[in-house]
C-alpha cells in the first residue's frame, strides 16, 4: 500500500510539471495506473515500473495538437463515418478528433525516437484508400548520419487513452505490418474545447457571431470563457512494441474467465496473438472453460462480441526499455 501511495504521488509530480489543474492530473494518474495494471505491467516485481514510465514519457504541446488536427483534417472527410465492426455512424467532427488522436500517437513516437536515438520519422498524410495506410504509419526515416529513405520494416502505430490496456490491430492489418507500437495519450474530453479557447477561436470568432445574433451578451460571454478549461500540454506514454515474427501464432498467451449468471460468456482479459472465434475456441485453456465451444467471446473492455480476427497484445506483453528500442531502430 505504501508503495502504491508513493507511486501515485510521483506520477502526480511528473504530470504537475506541465499541468496546472490538480483534478486533471489526478484523473490522468488514475487512468495511467488503471491501464498499466490491466495490462499486467506491474507483474515483474524486480523492475521499477516508474523508471519505465519516465523513460518512455514525452509531452505534446499546442503546436503538436495543431499538427495532428491539420493532418487529420486532410484525411477525416475521406474516411467512412462508421466504427470498425459496428453500424454506428459517427459525426464528421468526431471522426476528425478521433483521427487526430491517432496522429498524436505518431507525433509522440517521433519525439521519443528523436530524443532517445536521434532518429527522425515522417508519417504519410496523403489522401487515399484506407487500405493503403494499413501496412505502415512511418513513410520515411532519417537515421543518424544517414539520408532520408523508406524504412526497412513496416511499423503500425496504435494509439489509445491512458487507461487503455490493449494494442489492437483489427482485420487483416497484422498480415501487412512487421512491428506494432502502442502509445497511450493523456487526452481528455475537454482538450479540443480548450484548444479552441487557446487559439482564440471562441472569443474572436464564435462569441462575436453569438453576440451579433443576440445569443450572448458580454457578461454571459465572460462567464463561458472563464468556465472553459485552459489548454494543458498532453502527456504521452510510449508503452512498447512487438515484432510480429517473434509471436508464437496463433495465440502465444491468453488469460480468460467465465462471466455471467444466466447468459455466460468468455471474457479475455489479457493475451498476445491472433484472436478470432476459431483460434480462441481451439485454445486448450478456453476448451476447459467452454467445452461446448458455443459461448460468446468478449475482449475486455474493447470488444463486446468478437466476430473477426484481431491481432492483440496486452501492454505488459510488449518490449520496452533502451536495449529493446535499439533492436527496433537497427531494423529501420
C-alpha atoms as a PDB file:
ATOM      1  CA  UNK A   1       0.000   0.000   0.000  1.00  0.00           C
ATOM      2  CA  UNK A   2       2.835   2.378   0.870  1.00  0.00           C
ATOM      3  CA  UNK A   3       4.488   1.712  -2.497  1.00  0.00           C
ATOM      4  CA  UNK A   4       1.188   2.435  -4.227  1.00  0.00           C
ATOM      5  CA  UNK A   5       0.842   5.801  -2.485  1.00  0.00           C
ATOM      6  CA  UNK A   6       4.436   6.781  -3.304  1.00  0.00           C
ATOM      7  CA  UNK A   7       3.934   5.718  -6.917  1.00  0.00           C
ATOM      8  CA  UNK A   8       0.738   7.742  -7.241  1.00  0.00           C
ATOM      9  CA  UNK A   9       2.445  10.806  -5.754  1.00  0.00           C
ATOM     10  CA  UNK A  10       5.414  10.510  -8.115  1.00  0.00           C
ATOM     11  CA  UNK A  11       3.148  10.218 -11.163  1.00  0.00           C
ATOM     12  CA  UNK A  12       1.278  13.312  -9.966  1.00  0.00           C
ATOM     13  CA  UNK A  13       4.596  15.146  -9.633  1.00  0.00           C
ATOM     14  CA  UNK A  14       5.505  14.218 -13.235  1.00  0.00           C
ATOM     15  CA  UNK A  15       2.175  15.475 -14.546  1.00  0.00           C
ATOM     16  CA  UNK A  16       2.164  18.625 -12.440  1.00  0.00           C
ATOM     17  CA  UNK A  17       5.355  19.770 -14.153  1.00  0.00           C
ATOM     18  CA  UNK A  18       3.171  20.921 -17.054  1.00  0.00           C
ATOM     19  CA  UNK A  19      -0.461  20.517 -15.988  1.00  0.00           C
ATOM     20  CA  UNK A  20      -1.932  23.309 -13.846  1.00  0.00           C
ATOM     21  CA  UNK A  21      -5.157  21.603 -12.815  1.00  0.00           C
ATOM     22  CA  UNK A  22      -4.946  19.217  -9.843  1.00  0.00           C
ATOM     23  CA  UNK A  23      -8.152  17.479 -10.910  1.00  0.00           C
ATOM     24  CA  UNK A  24      -6.822  16.831 -14.434  1.00  0.00           C
ATOM     25  CA  UNK A  25      -3.538  15.477 -13.051  1.00  0.00           C
ATOM     26  CA  UNK A  26      -5.428  13.270 -10.590  1.00  0.00           C
ATOM     27  CA  UNK A  27      -7.701  11.900 -13.334  1.00  0.00           C
ATOM     28  CA  UNK A  28      -4.756  11.119 -15.602  1.00  0.00           C
ATOM     29  CA  UNK A  29      -2.842   9.474 -12.756  1.00  0.00           C
ATOM     30  CA  UNK A  30      -5.771   7.150 -12.101  1.00  0.00           C
ATOM     31  CA  UNK A  31      -6.001   6.349 -15.819  1.00  0.00           C
ATOM     32  CA  UNK A  32      -2.270   5.613 -16.131  1.00  0.00           C
ATOM     33  CA  UNK A  33      -2.425   3.170 -13.235  1.00  0.00           C
ATOM     34  CA  UNK A  34      -5.621   1.506 -14.480  1.00  0.00           C
ATOM     35  CA  UNK A  35      -4.123   0.879 -17.910  1.00  0.00           C
ATOM     36  CA  UNK A  36      -0.802  -0.374 -16.534  1.00  0.00           C
ATOM     37  CA  UNK A  37      -2.467  -2.663 -14.005  1.00  0.00           C
ATOM     38  CA  UNK A  38      -4.968  -4.042 -16.516  1.00  0.00           C
ATOM     39  CA  UNK A  39      -2.130  -4.634 -18.978  1.00  0.00           C
ATOM     40  CA  UNK A  40      -0.096  -6.568 -16.372  1.00  0.00           C
ATOM     41  CA  UNK A  41       2.770  -4.070 -16.455  1.00  0.00           C
ATOM     42  CA  UNK A  42       3.291  -4.451 -12.693  1.00  0.00           C
ATOM     43  CA  UNK A  43       3.855  -8.216 -12.782  1.00  0.00           C
ATOM     44  CA  UNK A  44       7.663  -8.024 -12.975  1.00  0.00           C
ATOM     45  CA  UNK A  45       8.365  -7.097  -9.377  1.00  0.00           C
ATOM     46  CA  UNK A  46      12.148  -6.970  -9.939  1.00  0.00           C
ATOM     47  CA  UNK A  47      11.730  -3.861 -12.076  1.00  0.00           C
ATOM     48  CA  UNK A  48      10.775  -0.344 -11.121  1.00  0.00           C
ATOM     49  CA  UNK A  49       7.761   0.456 -13.258  1.00  0.00           C
ATOM     50  CA  UNK A  50       8.188   4.188 -12.587  1.00  0.00           C
ATOM     51  CA  UNK A  51      11.573   4.055 -14.306  1.00  0.00           C
ATOM     52  CA  UNK A  52       9.863   2.504 -17.296  1.00  0.00           C
ATOM     53  CA  UNK A  53       7.240   5.251 -17.340  1.00  0.00           C
ATOM     54  CA  UNK A  54       9.799   8.056 -17.071  1.00  0.00           C
ATOM     55  CA  UNK A  55      11.985   6.658 -19.859  1.00  0.00           C
ATOM     56  CA  UNK A  56       9.036   6.370 -22.253  1.00  0.00           C
ATOM     57  CA  UNK A  57       7.340   9.649 -21.331  1.00  0.00           C
ATOM     58  CA  UNK A  58       7.025  12.657 -23.666  1.00  0.00           C
ATOM     59  CA  UNK A  59       4.958  15.849 -23.708  1.00  0.00           C
ATOM     60  CA  UNK A  60       2.832  17.086 -26.606  1.00  0.00           C
ATOM     61  CA  UNK A  61       2.263  20.830 -26.772  1.00  0.00           C
ATOM     62  CA  UNK A  62      -0.290  23.039 -28.522  1.00  0.00           C
ATOM     63  CA  UNK A  63       1.724  23.030 -31.748  1.00  0.00           C
ATOM     64  CA  UNK A  64       1.713  19.217 -31.744  1.00  0.00           C
ATOM     65  CA  UNK A  65      -2.056  19.228 -31.296  1.00  0.00           C
ATOM     66  CA  UNK A  66      -2.381  21.722 -34.162  1.00  0.00           C
ATOM     67  CA  UNK A  67      -0.279  19.453 -36.395  1.00  0.00           C
ATOM     68  CA  UNK A  68      -2.422  16.454 -35.503  1.00  0.00           C
ATOM     69  CA  UNK A  69      -5.666  18.315 -36.239  1.00  0.00           C
ATOM     70  CA  UNK A  70      -4.430  19.588 -39.608  1.00  0.00           C
ATOM     71  CA  UNK A  71      -3.180  16.152 -40.651  1.00  0.00           C
ATOM     72  CA  UNK A  72      -6.464  14.614 -39.547  1.00  0.00           C
ATOM     73  CA  UNK A  73      -8.484  17.251 -41.401  1.00  0.00           C
ATOM     74  CA  UNK A  74      -6.896  16.126 -44.672  1.00  0.00           C
ATOM     75  CA  UNK A  75      -7.978  12.553 -44.055  1.00  0.00           C
ATOM     76  CA  UNK A  76     -11.161  12.632 -41.981  1.00  0.00           C
ATOM     77  CA  UNK A  77     -13.504  13.645 -44.856  1.00  0.00           C
ATOM     78  CA  UNK A  78     -12.250  10.653 -46.876  1.00  0.00           C
ATOM     79  CA  UNK A  79     -12.802   8.112 -44.091  1.00  0.00           C
ATOM     80  CA  UNK A  80     -16.117   6.362 -43.663  1.00  0.00           C
ATOM     81  CA  UNK A  81     -18.001   7.553 -40.596  1.00  0.00           C
ATOM     82  CA  UNK A  82     -18.721   4.038 -39.375  1.00  0.00           C
ATOM     83  CA  UNK A  83     -16.929   2.474 -36.431  1.00  0.00           C
ATOM     84  CA  UNK A  84     -14.967  -0.668 -37.216  1.00  0.00           C
ATOM     85  CA  UNK A  85     -17.140  -3.697 -36.547  1.00  0.00           C
ATOM     86  CA  UNK A  86     -20.226  -1.568 -35.909  1.00  0.00           C
ATOM     87  CA  UNK A  87     -23.060   0.031 -37.853  1.00  0.00           C
ATOM     88  CA  UNK A  88     -22.954   3.121 -35.630  1.00  0.00           C
ATOM     89  CA  UNK A  89     -22.438   6.291 -37.640  1.00  0.00           C
ATOM     90  CA  UNK A  90     -20.033   8.852 -36.224  1.00  0.00           C
ATOM     91  CA  UNK A  91     -20.314  12.611 -36.680  1.00  0.00           C
ATOM     92  CA  UNK A  92     -17.652  14.032 -39.005  1.00  0.00           C
ATOM     93  CA  UNK A  93     -16.350  16.202 -36.183  1.00  0.00           C
ATOM     94  CA  UNK A  94     -15.862  13.082 -34.071  1.00  0.00           C
ATOM     95  CA  UNK A  95     -14.077  11.370 -36.962  1.00  0.00           C
ATOM     96  CA  UNK A  96     -11.797  14.410 -37.170  1.00  0.00           C
ATOM     97  CA  UNK A  97     -10.837  14.472 -33.481  1.00  0.00           C
ATOM     98  CA  UNK A  98     -10.553  10.660 -33.292  1.00  0.00           C
ATOM     99  CA  UNK A  99      -8.239  10.682 -36.305  1.00  0.00           C
ATOM    100  CA  UNK A 100      -6.217  13.486 -34.704  1.00  0.00           C
ATOM    101  CA  UNK A 101      -5.696  11.324 -31.617  1.00  0.00           C
ATOM    102  CA  UNK A 102      -4.034   8.716 -33.797  1.00  0.00           C
ATOM    103  CA  UNK A 103      -1.710  11.366 -35.226  1.00  0.00           C
ATOM    104  CA  UNK A 104      -0.848  12.495 -31.702  1.00  0.00           C
ATOM    105  CA  UNK A 105       0.405   8.971 -31.040  1.00  0.00           C
ATOM    106  CA  UNK A 106       2.575   9.126 -34.142  1.00  0.00           C
ATOM    107  CA  UNK A 107       3.944  12.543 -33.147  1.00  0.00           C
ATOM    108  CA  UNK A 108       4.685  11.231 -29.644  1.00  0.00           C
ATOM    109  CA  UNK A 109       6.633   8.278 -31.055  1.00  0.00           C
ATOM    110  CA  UNK A 110       8.571  10.558 -33.395  1.00  0.00           C
ATOM    111  CA  UNK A 111       9.550  12.779 -30.442  1.00  0.00           C
ATOM    112  CA  UNK A 112      10.616   9.745 -28.418  1.00  0.00           C
ATOM    113  CA  UNK A 113      12.793   8.299 -31.199  1.00  0.00           C
ATOM    114  CA  UNK A 114      14.321  11.714 -31.910  1.00  0.00           C
ATOM    115  CA  UNK A 115      15.110  12.424 -28.252  1.00  0.00           C
ATOM    116  CA  UNK A 116      16.445   8.973 -27.370  1.00  0.00           C
ATOM    117  CA  UNK A 117      18.121   7.788 -30.585  1.00  0.00           C
ATOM    118  CA  UNK A 118      18.424  10.773 -32.924  1.00  0.00           C
ATOM    119  CA  UNK A 119      16.048   9.116 -35.397  1.00  0.00           C
ATOM    120  CA  UNK A 120      13.630  11.265 -37.399  1.00  0.00           C
ATOM    121  CA  UNK A 121      10.453   9.662 -38.706  1.00  0.00           C
ATOM    122  CA  UNK A 122       7.918  11.005 -41.182  1.00  0.00           C
ATOM    123  CA  UNK A 123       4.355   9.793 -41.452  1.00  0.00           C
ATOM    124  CA  UNK A 124       2.218   9.584 -44.570  1.00  0.00           C
ATOM    125  CA  UNK A 125      -0.577  12.193 -44.636  1.00  0.00           C
ATOM    126  CA  UNK A 126      -1.557  11.972 -48.286  1.00  0.00           C
ATOM    127  CA  UNK A 127      -5.126  11.073 -49.175  1.00  0.00           C
ATOM    128  CA  UNK A 128      -6.059   7.652 -50.416  1.00  0.00           C
ATOM    129  CA  UNK A 129      -7.985   4.500 -49.655  1.00  0.00           C
ATOM    130  CA  UNK A 130      -7.746   3.334 -46.035  1.00  0.00           C
ATOM    131  CA  UNK A 131      -6.206   0.034 -47.143  1.00  0.00           C
ATOM    132  CA  UNK A 132      -3.168   1.924 -48.498  1.00  0.00           C
ATOM    133  CA  UNK A 133      -2.221   3.061 -44.996  1.00  0.00           C
ATOM    134  CA  UNK A 134      -2.697  -0.218 -43.105  1.00  0.00           C
ATOM    135  CA  UNK A 135       0.830  -1.689 -43.504  1.00  0.00           C
ATOM    136  CA  UNK A 136       2.824   1.195 -42.012  1.00  0.00           C
ATOM    137  CA  UNK A 137       2.415   4.583 -40.358  1.00  0.00           C
ATOM    138  CA  UNK A 138       6.062   5.549 -40.934  1.00  0.00           C
ATOM    139  CA  UNK A 139       6.675   6.582 -44.521  1.00  0.00           C
ATOM    140  CA  UNK A 140      10.322   7.683 -44.257  1.00  0.00           C
ATOM    141  CA  UNK A 141      13.138   7.776 -41.714  1.00  0.00           C
ATOM    142  CA  UNK A 142      16.418   9.601 -41.205  1.00  0.00           C
ATOM    143  CA  UNK A 143      18.893   7.728 -39.024  1.00  0.00           C
ATOM    144  CA  UNK A 144      21.985   9.498 -37.604  1.00  0.00           C
ATOM    145  CA  UNK A 145      24.500  10.189 -40.389  1.00  0.00           C
ATOM    146  CA  UNK A 146      22.084   8.788 -42.963  1.00  0.00           C
ATOM    147  CA  UNK A 147      19.897  10.123 -45.764  1.00  0.00           C
ATOM    148  CA  UNK A 148      16.122  10.247 -45.746  1.00  0.00           C
ATOM    149  CA  UNK A 149      14.683   6.969 -47.048  1.00  0.00           C
ATOM    150  CA  UNK A 150      11.874   4.473 -46.683  1.00  0.00           C
ATOM    151  CA  UNK A 151      12.178   2.229 -43.606  1.00  0.00           C
ATOM    152  CA  UNK A 152      13.221  -1.393 -43.998  1.00  0.00           C
ATOM    153  CA  UNK A 153      10.309  -2.641 -41.890  1.00  0.00           C
ATOM    154  CA  UNK A 154       6.647  -1.707 -41.779  1.00  0.00           C
ATOM    155  CA  UNK A 155       5.566  -0.281 -38.428  1.00  0.00           C
ATOM    156  CA  UNK A 156       1.966   0.242 -37.349  1.00  0.00           C
ATOM    157  CA  UNK A 157       1.394   2.735 -34.512  1.00  0.00           C
ATOM    158  CA  UNK A 158      -1.638   2.175 -32.298  1.00  0.00           C
ATOM    159  CA  UNK A 159      -2.854   4.972 -30.035  1.00  0.00           C
ATOM    160  CA  UNK A 160      -5.135   4.629 -27.042  1.00  0.00           C
ATOM    161  CA  UNK A 161      -6.085   6.681 -23.995  1.00  0.00           C
ATOM    162  CA  UNK A 162      -4.130   6.449 -20.747  1.00  0.00           C
ATOM    163  CA  UNK A 163      -6.390   3.729 -19.363  1.00  0.00           C
ATOM    164  CA  UNK A 164      -6.106   1.518 -22.458  1.00  0.00           C
ATOM    165  CA  UNK A 165      -4.520  -1.894 -21.942  1.00  0.00           C
ATOM    166  CA  UNK A 166      -4.576  -3.366 -25.460  1.00  0.00           C
ATOM    167  CA  UNK A 167      -2.590  -2.987 -28.650  1.00  0.00           C
ATOM    168  CA  UNK A 168      -5.262  -3.853 -31.214  1.00  0.00           C
ATOM    169  CA  UNK A 169      -4.765  -4.341 -34.956  1.00  0.00           C
ATOM    170  CA  UNK A 170      -8.172  -5.345 -36.379  1.00  0.00           C
ATOM    171  CA  UNK A 171      -8.908  -7.287 -39.537  1.00  0.00           C
ATOM    172  CA  UNK A 172      -6.079  -8.325 -41.815  1.00  0.00           C
ATOM    173  CA  UNK A 173      -3.758  -5.483 -40.837  1.00  0.00           C
ATOM    174  CA  UNK A 174      -1.444  -7.816 -38.948  1.00  0.00           C
ATOM    175  CA  UNK A 175      -0.600  -9.544 -42.234  1.00  0.00           C
ATOM    176  CA  UNK A 176       0.946  -6.384 -43.704  1.00  0.00           C
ATOM    177  CA  UNK A 177       2.947  -4.942 -40.781  1.00  0.00           C
ATOM    178  CA  UNK A 178       6.228  -6.185 -39.284  1.00  0.00           C
ATOM    179  CA  UNK A 179       6.003  -4.430 -35.913  1.00  0.00           C
ATOM    180  CA  UNK A 180       3.329  -2.742 -33.830  1.00  0.00           C
ATOM    181  CA  UNK A 181       3.849   0.130 -31.370  1.00  0.00           C
ATOM    182  CA  UNK A 182       1.435   1.116 -28.595  1.00  0.00           C
ATOM    183  CA  UNK A 183       1.220   4.754 -27.453  1.00  0.00           C
ATOM    184  CA  UNK A 184      -1.014   5.974 -24.645  1.00  0.00           C
ATOM    185  CA  UNK A 185      -2.191   9.588 -24.880  1.00  0.00           C
ATOM    186  CA  UNK A 186      -3.394  11.519 -21.830  1.00  0.00           C
ATOM    187  CA  UNK A 187      -6.097  13.367 -23.697  1.00  0.00           C
ATOM    188  CA  UNK A 188      -9.418  14.147 -22.023  1.00  0.00           C
ATOM    189  CA  UNK A 189     -12.804  15.261 -23.291  1.00  0.00           C
ATOM    190  CA  UNK A 190     -12.100  18.942 -22.655  1.00  0.00           C
ATOM    191  CA  UNK A 191      -8.903  19.161 -24.724  1.00  0.00           C
ATOM    192  CA  UNK A 192     -10.490  20.076 -28.069  1.00  0.00           C
ATOM    193  CA  UNK A 193     -12.658  22.773 -26.496  1.00  0.00           C
ATOM    194  CA  UNK A 194      -9.663  24.046 -24.520  1.00  0.00           C
ATOM    195  CA  UNK A 195      -7.684  24.173 -27.769  1.00  0.00           C
ATOM    196  CA  UNK A 196     -10.391  26.320 -29.406  1.00  0.00           C
ATOM    197  CA  UNK A 197     -10.085  28.643 -26.425  1.00  0.00           C
ATOM    198  CA  UNK A 198      -6.292  28.704 -26.603  1.00  0.00           C
ATOM    199  CA  UNK A 199      -6.242  29.795 -30.261  1.00  0.00           C
ATOM    200  CA  UNK A 200      -8.934  32.435 -29.544  1.00  0.00           C
ATOM    201  CA  UNK A 201     -11.454  30.865 -31.914  1.00  0.00           C
ATOM    202  CA  UNK A 202     -14.158  31.075 -29.252  1.00  0.00           C
ATOM    203  CA  UNK A 203     -13.552  34.669 -28.185  1.00  0.00           C
ATOM    204  CA  UNK A 204     -12.680  36.182 -31.567  1.00  0.00           C
ATOM    205  CA  UNK A 205     -14.977  34.148 -33.840  1.00  0.00           C
ATOM    206  CA  UNK A 206     -17.810  32.206 -32.209  1.00  0.00           C
ATOM    207  CA  UNK A 207     -18.549  34.627 -29.386  1.00  0.00           C
ATOM    208  CA  UNK A 208     -18.521  37.612 -31.775  1.00  0.00           C
ATOM    209  CA  UNK A 209     -21.034  35.858 -34.021  1.00  0.00           C
ATOM    210  CA  UNK A 210     -23.137  34.875 -30.990  1.00  0.00           C
ATOM    211  CA  UNK A 211     -23.247  38.488 -29.772  1.00  0.00           C
ATOM    212  CA  UNK A 212     -24.336  39.703 -33.211  1.00  0.00           C
ATOM    213  CA  UNK A 213     -27.108  37.102 -33.161  1.00  0.00           C
ATOM    214  CA  UNK A 214     -28.227  38.158 -29.701  1.00  0.00           C
ATOM    215  CA  UNK A 215     -27.289  34.783 -28.182  1.00  0.00           C
ATOM    216  CA  UNK A 216     -24.655  36.174 -25.825  1.00  0.00           C
ATOM    217  CA  UNK A 217     -24.006  39.431 -24.029  1.00  0.00           C
ATOM    218  CA  UNK A 218     -20.656  40.483 -22.560  1.00  0.00           C
ATOM    219  CA  UNK A 219     -21.430  39.056 -19.134  1.00  0.00           C
ATOM    220  CA  UNK A 220     -22.512  35.655 -20.475  1.00  0.00           C
ATOM    221  CA  UNK A 221     -19.540  35.523 -22.833  1.00  0.00           C
ATOM    222  CA  UNK A 222     -17.200  36.246 -19.947  1.00  0.00           C
ATOM    223  CA  UNK A 223     -18.813  33.554 -17.820  1.00  0.00           C
ATOM    224  CA  UNK A 224     -18.486  30.968 -20.595  1.00  0.00           C
ATOM    225  CA  UNK A 225     -14.874  31.949 -21.191  1.00  0.00           C
ATOM    226  CA  UNK A 226     -13.993  31.501 -17.537  1.00  0.00           C
ATOM    227  CA  UNK A 227     -15.746  28.114 -17.310  1.00  0.00           C
ATOM    228  CA  UNK A 228     -13.909  26.577 -20.269  1.00  0.00           C
ATOM    229  CA  UNK A 229     -10.678  24.876 -19.095  1.00  0.00           C
ATOM    230  CA  UNK A 230      -7.246  26.091 -20.125  1.00  0.00           C
ATOM    231  CA  UNK A 231      -5.313  24.011 -22.641  1.00  0.00           C
ATOM    232  CA  UNK A 232      -2.747  21.845 -20.877  1.00  0.00           C
ATOM    233  CA  UNK A 233       0.120  20.035 -22.617  1.00  0.00           C
ATOM    234  CA  UNK A 234      -0.790  16.421 -23.358  1.00  0.00           C
ATOM    235  CA  UNK A 235       1.296  13.679 -21.726  1.00  0.00           C
ATOM    236  CA  UNK A 236       2.165  10.598 -23.776  1.00  0.00           C
ATOM    237  CA  UNK A 237       3.498   7.215 -22.677  1.00  0.00           C
ATOM    238  CA  UNK A 238       5.260   5.160 -25.378  1.00  0.00           C
ATOM    239  CA  UNK A 239       4.287   1.823 -23.854  1.00  0.00           C
ATOM    240  CA  UNK A 240       6.291  -0.509 -26.086  1.00  0.00           C
ATOM    241  CA  UNK A 241       6.267  -2.549 -29.269  1.00  0.00           C
ATOM    242  CA  UNK A 242       6.111  -6.083 -30.578  1.00  0.00           C
ATOM    243  CA  UNK A 243       7.707  -7.797 -33.572  1.00  0.00           C
ATOM    244  CA  UNK A 244       5.152  -9.920 -35.368  1.00  0.00           C
ATOM    245  CA  UNK A 245       7.782 -12.507 -36.340  1.00  0.00           C
ATOM    246  CA  UNK A 246       8.545 -13.174 -32.670  1.00  0.00           C
ATOM    247  CA  UNK A 247       4.951 -14.046 -31.754  1.00  0.00           C
ATOM    248  CA  UNK A 248       4.025 -17.725 -31.484  1.00  0.00           C
ATOM    249  CA  UNK A 249       0.892 -17.837 -33.592  1.00  0.00           C
ATOM    250  CA  UNK A 250      -1.990 -18.130 -33.357  1.00  0.00           C
ATOM    251  CA  UNK A 251      -2.111 -17.386 -29.605  1.00  0.00           C
ATOM    252  CA  UNK A 252       1.063 -17.069 -27.567  1.00  0.00           C
ATOM    253  CA  UNK A 253      -0.588 -16.199 -24.265  1.00  0.00           C
ATOM    254  CA  UNK A 254      -4.165 -15.826 -23.043  1.00  0.00           C
ATOM    255  CA  UNK A 255      -5.940 -15.109 -19.772  1.00  0.00           C
ATOM    256  CA  UNK A 256      -9.696 -15.529 -19.727  1.00  0.00           C
ATOM    257  CA  UNK A 257     -12.616 -16.148 -17.400  1.00  0.00           C
ATOM    258  CA  UNK A 258     -16.271 -17.068 -17.494  1.00  0.00           C
ATOM    259  CA  UNK A 259     -18.736 -14.374 -16.504  1.00  0.00           C
ATOM    260  CA  UNK A 260     -22.481 -14.012 -16.271  1.00  0.00           C
ATOM    261  CA  UNK A 261     -25.107 -15.978 -14.397  1.00  0.00           C
ATOM    262  CA  UNK A 262     -27.915 -16.506 -16.845  1.00  0.00           C
ATOM    263  CA  UNK A 263     -26.020 -15.588 -20.011  1.00  0.00           C
ATOM    264  CA  UNK A 264     -22.470 -16.877 -19.690  1.00  0.00           C
ATOM    265  CA  UNK A 265     -19.659 -15.578 -21.866  1.00  0.00           C
ATOM    266  CA  UNK A 266     -15.906 -15.945 -22.245  1.00  0.00           C
ATOM    267  CA  UNK A 267     -14.084 -12.761 -21.248  1.00  0.00           C
ATOM    268  CA  UNK A 268     -10.467 -12.434 -22.394  1.00  0.00           C
ATOM    269  CA  UNK A 269      -8.619 -10.102 -20.019  1.00  0.00           C
ATOM    270  CA  UNK A 270      -5.026 -10.348 -21.337  1.00  0.00           C
ATOM    271  CA  UNK A 271      -3.227 -12.086 -24.158  1.00  0.00           C
ATOM    272  CA  UNK A 272      -0.937 -11.930 -27.156  1.00  0.00           C
ATOM    273  CA  UNK A 273      -1.556 -13.312 -30.623  1.00  0.00           C
ATOM    274  CA  UNK A 274      -4.149 -13.514 -33.366  1.00  0.00           C
ATOM    275  CA  UNK A 275      -7.543 -13.667 -31.700  1.00  0.00           C
ATOM    276  CA  UNK A 276     -10.611 -14.856 -33.576  1.00  0.00           C
ATOM    277  CA  UNK A 277     -13.543 -17.064 -32.575  1.00  0.00           C
ATOM    278  CA  UNK A 278     -11.743 -20.028 -34.149  1.00  0.00           C
ATOM    279  CA  UNK A 279      -8.306 -19.508 -32.563  1.00  0.00           C
ATOM    280  CA  UNK A 280      -9.755 -18.784 -29.121  1.00  0.00           C
ATOM    281  CA  UNK A 281     -12.131 -21.753 -29.108  1.00  0.00           C
ATOM    282  CA  UNK A 282      -9.329 -24.127 -30.119  1.00  0.00           C
ATOM    283  CA  UNK A 283      -7.079 -22.968 -27.253  1.00  0.00           C
ATOM    284  CA  UNK A 284      -6.735 -25.615 -24.514  1.00  0.00           C
ATOM    285  CA  UNK A 285      -7.404 -23.131 -21.702  1.00  0.00           C
ATOM    286  CA  UNK A 286     -10.624 -21.986 -23.353  1.00  0.00           C
ATOM    287  CA  UNK A 287     -11.761 -25.563 -24.042  1.00  0.00           C
ATOM    288  CA  UNK A 288     -11.697 -26.173 -20.304  1.00  0.00           C
ATOM    289  CA  UNK A 289     -13.867 -23.113 -19.717  1.00  0.00           C
ATOM    290  CA  UNK A 290     -16.232 -23.814 -22.611  1.00  0.00           C
ATOM    291  CA  UNK A 291     -16.176 -27.454 -23.762  1.00  0.00           C
ATOM    292  CA  UNK A 292     -19.237 -26.834 -25.933  1.00  0.00           C
ATOM    293  CA  UNK A 293     -17.446 -24.103 -27.926  1.00  0.00           C
ATOM    294  CA  UNK A 294     -20.615 -22.042 -28.162  1.00  0.00           C
ATOM    295  CA  UNK A 295     -20.310 -19.204 -25.645  1.00  0.00           C
ATOM    296  CA  UNK A 296     -19.962 -15.592 -26.850  1.00  0.00           C
ATOM    297  CA  UNK A 297     -16.443 -14.138 -26.663  1.00  0.00           C
ATOM    298  CA  UNK A 298     -15.583 -10.699 -25.268  1.00  0.00           C
ATOM    299  CA  UNK A 299     -12.218  -8.906 -25.209  1.00  0.00           C
ATOM    300  CA  UNK A 300     -12.344  -6.841 -22.026  1.00  0.00           C
ATOM    301  CA  UNK A 301     -13.003  -3.926 -22.295  1.00  0.00           C
ATOM    302  CA  UNK A 302     -12.640  -3.145 -26.020  1.00  0.00           C
ATOM    303  CA  UNK A 303     -14.689  -5.741 -27.938  1.00  0.00           C
ATOM    304  CA  UNK A 304     -18.156  -6.733 -26.739  1.00  0.00           C
ATOM    305  CA  UNK A 305     -18.528  -9.563 -29.209  1.00  0.00           C
ATOM    306  CA  UNK A 306     -15.534 -10.918 -31.122  1.00  0.00           C
ATOM    307  CA  UNK A 307     -16.575 -11.998 -34.619  1.00  0.00           C
ATOM    308  CA  UNK A 308     -13.466 -11.210 -36.732  1.00  0.00           C
ATOM    309  CA  UNK A 309      -9.664 -11.552 -36.359  1.00  0.00           C
ATOM    310  CA  UNK A 310      -7.742  -9.075 -34.199  1.00  0.00           C
ATOM    311  CA  UNK A 311      -4.010  -9.077 -33.575  1.00  0.00           C
ATOM    312  CA  UNK A 312      -3.841  -8.226 -29.884  1.00  0.00           C
ATOM    313  CA  UNK A 313      -1.308  -7.783 -27.124  1.00  0.00           C
ATOM    314  CA  UNK A 314      -1.865  -6.529 -23.597  1.00  0.00           C
ATOM    315  CA  UNK A 315       0.602  -3.786 -22.706  1.00  0.00           C
ATOM    316  CA  UNK A 316       2.594  -5.996 -20.334  1.00  0.00           C
ATOM    317  CA  UNK A 317       3.452  -8.275 -23.248  1.00  0.00           C
ATOM    318  CA  UNK A 318       5.285  -5.553 -25.191  1.00  0.00           C
ATOM    319  CA  UNK A 319       9.022  -4.907 -25.485  1.00  0.00           C
ATOM    320  CA  UNK A 320      10.317  -1.760 -23.809  1.00  0.00           C
ATOM    321  CA  UNK A 321      13.498  -0.177 -22.483  1.00  0.00           C
ATOM    322  CA  UNK A 322      16.598   1.173 -24.201  1.00  0.00           C
ATOM    323  CA  UNK A 323      18.045  -2.118 -25.439  1.00  0.00           C
ATOM    324  CA  UNK A 324      14.743  -3.280 -26.895  1.00  0.00           C
ATOM    325  CA  UNK A 325      14.207   0.004 -28.708  1.00  0.00           C
ATOM    326  CA  UNK A 326      17.742  -0.190 -30.092  1.00  0.00           C
ATOM    327  CA  UNK A 327      16.793  -3.545 -31.638  1.00  0.00           C
ATOM    328  CA  UNK A 328      13.900  -1.838 -33.439  1.00  0.00           C
ATOM    329  CA  UNK A 329      15.981   1.147 -34.542  1.00  0.00           C
ATOM    330  CA  UNK A 330      18.656  -1.115 -36.067  1.00  0.00           C
ATOM    331  CA  UNK A 331      15.964  -2.694 -38.251  1.00  0.00           C
ATOM    332  CA  UNK A 332      14.731   0.662 -39.547  1.00  0.00           C
END
